[in-house]
Amino acid sequence: MRALRFNKSDPFVQDYLKEKEAEDYANDLLHGKTHPKEQLYAKGRMKEGSMNKTEKLFQEYLEAQKQAGKILAYWFESIKVKIAEGTCWYTPDFMVLRPNGEMELHEVKGSPAIFFDDAKVKVKSCATQFPFRMFVVFPRSKKDGGGWDFTEY
């Protein structure tokens, strides 16, 4: 018995493959399977003023810093800054007050892989327009000793 070979550049074959891919994707969703890239995406928006798991862990870190006297205070989603005309606003995750009176804004992300372009633009815009030090914070893996990685903008 001979196997059939298809020319993948044939428009009919391309249409069939697209339909098959869409059908397979729908079946995966129906049966609760996710694709690797989709596992990076958030499951939905948190209610305003409520923290996700990474933000709660970072709050614990900030509380320890406060107890050690390295920061005076911190606030979660306490300010909203206008970064462009119209309706473009940015709400940093944490505002942190240092003992020297310096104010910092901290944006917490689960990993660099999910720090997408739109968020980068807002962070960079905020860093250049306002007199705050701006940090994006990522959790460090346990195999690398845990803790937090800070990137200043």
Protein backbone atom coordinates (compact mmCIF):
# COMPACT_ATOMS: atom_id res chain seq x y z
CA MET A 1 0.00 0.00 0.00
CA ARG A 2 1.33 3.43 -0.92
CA ALA A 3 1.05 6.50 1.33
CA LEU A 4 -0.56 9.62 -0.04
CA ARG A 5 1.63 12.69 -0.16
CA PHE A 6 0.20 16.19 -0.06
CA ASN A 7 1.75 19.34 -1.40
CA LYS A 8 1.64 21.68 1.64
CA SER A 9 1.78 24.74 -0.60
CA ASP A 10 -1.53 23.75 -2.22
CA PRO A 11 -4.23 26.23 -1.02
CA PHE A 12 -6.77 23.42 -0.47
CA VAL A 13 -4.29 21.52 1.72
CA GLN A 14 -3.46 24.72 3.66
CA ASP A 15 -7.17 25.37 4.29
CA TYR A 16 -7.65 21.77 5.47
CA LEU A 17 -4.66 22.01 7.84
CA LYS A 18 -5.93 25.30 9.31
CA GLU A 19 -9.37 23.79 9.90
CA LYS A 20 -7.81 20.67 11.45
CA GLU A 21 -5.62 22.79 13.73
CA ALA A 22 -8.63 24.85 14.85
CA GLU A 23 -10.63 21.68 15.47
CA ASP A 24 -7.79 20.11 17.50
CA TYR A 25 -7.45 23.33 19.51
CA ALA A 26 -11.21 23.39 20.25
CA ASN A 27 -11.10 19.74 21.35
CA ASP A 28 -8.15 20.47 23.65
CA LEU A 29 -10.08 23.34 25.26
CA LEU A 30 -13.17 21.19 25.59
CA HIS A 31 -11.18 18.52 27.44
CA GLY A 32 -9.28 20.96 29.66
CA LYS A 33 -5.92 20.75 27.93
CA THR A 34 -3.84 23.90 27.61
CA HIS A 35 -1.00 24.74 25.33
CA PRO A 36 2.40 25.69 26.87
CA LYS A 37 2.29 29.38 25.90
CA GLU A 38 -1.22 29.78 27.32
CA GLN A 39 0.02 28.64 30.73
CA LEU A 40 1.91 31.94 30.97
CA TYR A 41 -1.24 34.04 30.65
CA ALA A 42 -3.23 35.20 33.64
CA LYS A 43 -6.56 33.46 34.17
CA GLY A 44 -8.35 36.78 34.37
CA ARG A 45 -8.16 40.16 35.99
CA MET A 46 -8.06 40.41 39.75
CA LYS A 47 -10.50 42.77 41.40
CA GLU A 48 -8.99 46.21 41.83
CA GLY A 49 -7.12 46.35 45.12
CA SER A 50 -6.68 42.58 45.47
CA MET A 51 -3.30 40.89 45.10
CA ASN A 52 -2.27 37.87 43.08
CA LYS A 53 0.01 35.21 44.57
CA THR A 54 3.26 36.86 43.44
CA GLU A 55 2.18 40.26 44.77
CA LYS A 56 1.31 38.69 48.15
CA LEU A 57 4.78 37.14 48.33
CA PHE A 58 6.35 40.47 47.46
CA GLN A 59 4.26 42.17 50.15
CA GLU A 60 5.72 39.70 52.67
CA TYR A 61 9.19 40.70 51.46
CA LEU A 62 8.33 44.40 51.86
CA GLU A 63 6.95 43.79 55.34
CA ALA A 64 10.24 42.11 56.34
CA GLN A 65 12.13 45.10 54.87
CA LYS A 66 9.92 47.44 56.91
CA GLN A 67 10.54 45.48 60.12
CA ALA A 68 14.29 45.64 59.42
CA GLY A 69 14.10 49.43 58.94
CA LYS A 70 15.17 49.33 55.29
CA ILE A 71 11.90 50.96 54.21
CA LEU A 72 9.51 53.17 56.15
CA ALA A 73 6.24 52.25 54.46
CA TYR A 74 4.67 50.70 51.38
CA TRP A 75 1.27 50.87 49.70
CA PHE A 76 -0.46 48.56 47.24
CA GLU A 77 -2.00 50.11 44.10
CA SER A 78 -2.24 53.43 45.91
CA ILE A 79 -1.63 55.81 43.00
CA LYS A 80 -2.64 56.06 39.38
CA VAL A 81 -0.51 58.12 37.00
CA LYS A 82 -1.51 59.54 33.65
CA ILE A 83 1.14 58.58 31.11
CA ALA A 84 -0.46 59.87 27.90
CA GLU A 85 -3.30 62.04 26.68
CA GLY A 86 -6.71 60.44 26.64
CA THR A 87 -7.32 57.42 28.78
CA CYS A 88 -3.83 55.95 29.16
CA TRP A 89 -3.18 55.47 32.88
CA TYR A 90 -0.76 53.29 34.82
CA THR A 91 -1.22 51.88 38.31
CA PRO A 92 2.02 50.51 39.77
CA ASP A 93 1.68 47.54 42.11
CA PHE A 94 3.57 49.06 45.05
CA MET A 95 4.74 52.48 46.14
CA VAL A 96 7.65 52.26 48.60
CA LEU A 97 8.99 54.99 50.92
CA ARG A 98 12.71 54.73 51.78
CA PRO A 99 14.16 56.12 55.04
CA ASN A 100 15.85 58.96 53.09
CA GLY A 101 12.40 60.12 51.90
CA GLU A 102 12.83 58.75 48.39
CA MET A 103 9.70 57.29 46.82
CA GLU A 104 9.91 54.22 44.54
CA LEU A 105 7.36 52.48 42.34
CA HIS A 106 7.54 48.69 42.03
CA GLU A 107 5.82 46.63 39.33
CA VAL A 108 5.68 42.92 40.24
CA LYS A 109 5.70 40.29 37.47
CA GLY A 110 5.70 36.51 37.77
CA SER A 111 8.60 36.16 35.31
CA PRO A 112 10.37 38.14 32.58
CA ALA A 113 8.52 35.97 30.03
CA ILE A 114 5.22 37.63 30.92
CA PHE A 115 6.49 41.21 30.99
CA PHE A 116 4.88 42.10 27.65
CA ASP A 117 5.52 45.11 25.44
CA ASP A 118 2.47 47.11 26.54
CA ALA A 119 3.54 46.88 30.19
CA LYS A 120 7.15 47.76 29.28
CA VAL A 121 5.98 50.89 27.46
CA LYS A 122 3.92 52.02 30.46
CA VAL A 123 6.76 51.37 32.91
CA LYS A 124 9.33 53.19 30.76
CA SER A 125 6.95 56.07 30.18
CA CYS A 126 6.27 56.41 33.90
CA ALA A 127 10.00 56.24 34.67
CA THR A 128 10.82 59.07 32.27
CA GLN A 129 7.89 61.38 33.09
CA PHE A 130 7.75 61.26 36.89
CA PRO A 131 10.30 61.79 39.70
CA PHE A 132 10.10 58.25 41.04
CA ARG A 133 12.63 55.45 40.82
CA MET A 134 10.85 52.71 38.89
CA PHE A 135 11.57 48.98 39.40
CA VAL A 136 10.19 45.85 37.80
CA VAL A 137 10.46 42.95 40.23
CA PHE A 138 10.57 39.22 39.38
CA PRO A 139 10.76 36.27 41.80
CA ARG A 140 14.07 34.40 41.61
CA SER A 141 13.77 30.62 41.28
CA LYS A 142 14.43 28.47 44.35
CA LYS A 143 17.31 26.74 42.56
CA ASP A 144 18.93 30.19 42.22
CA GLY A 145 18.50 30.86 45.94
CA GLY A 146 15.05 32.44 45.91
CA GLY A 147 14.40 36.11 46.63
CA TRP A 148 13.73 38.83 44.11
CA ASP A 149 15.40 40.30 41.02
CA PHE A 150 15.01 44.06 40.57
CA THR A 151 15.37 45.84 37.24
CA GLU A 152 15.44 49.63 37.39
CA TYR A 153 14.02 51.72 34.56
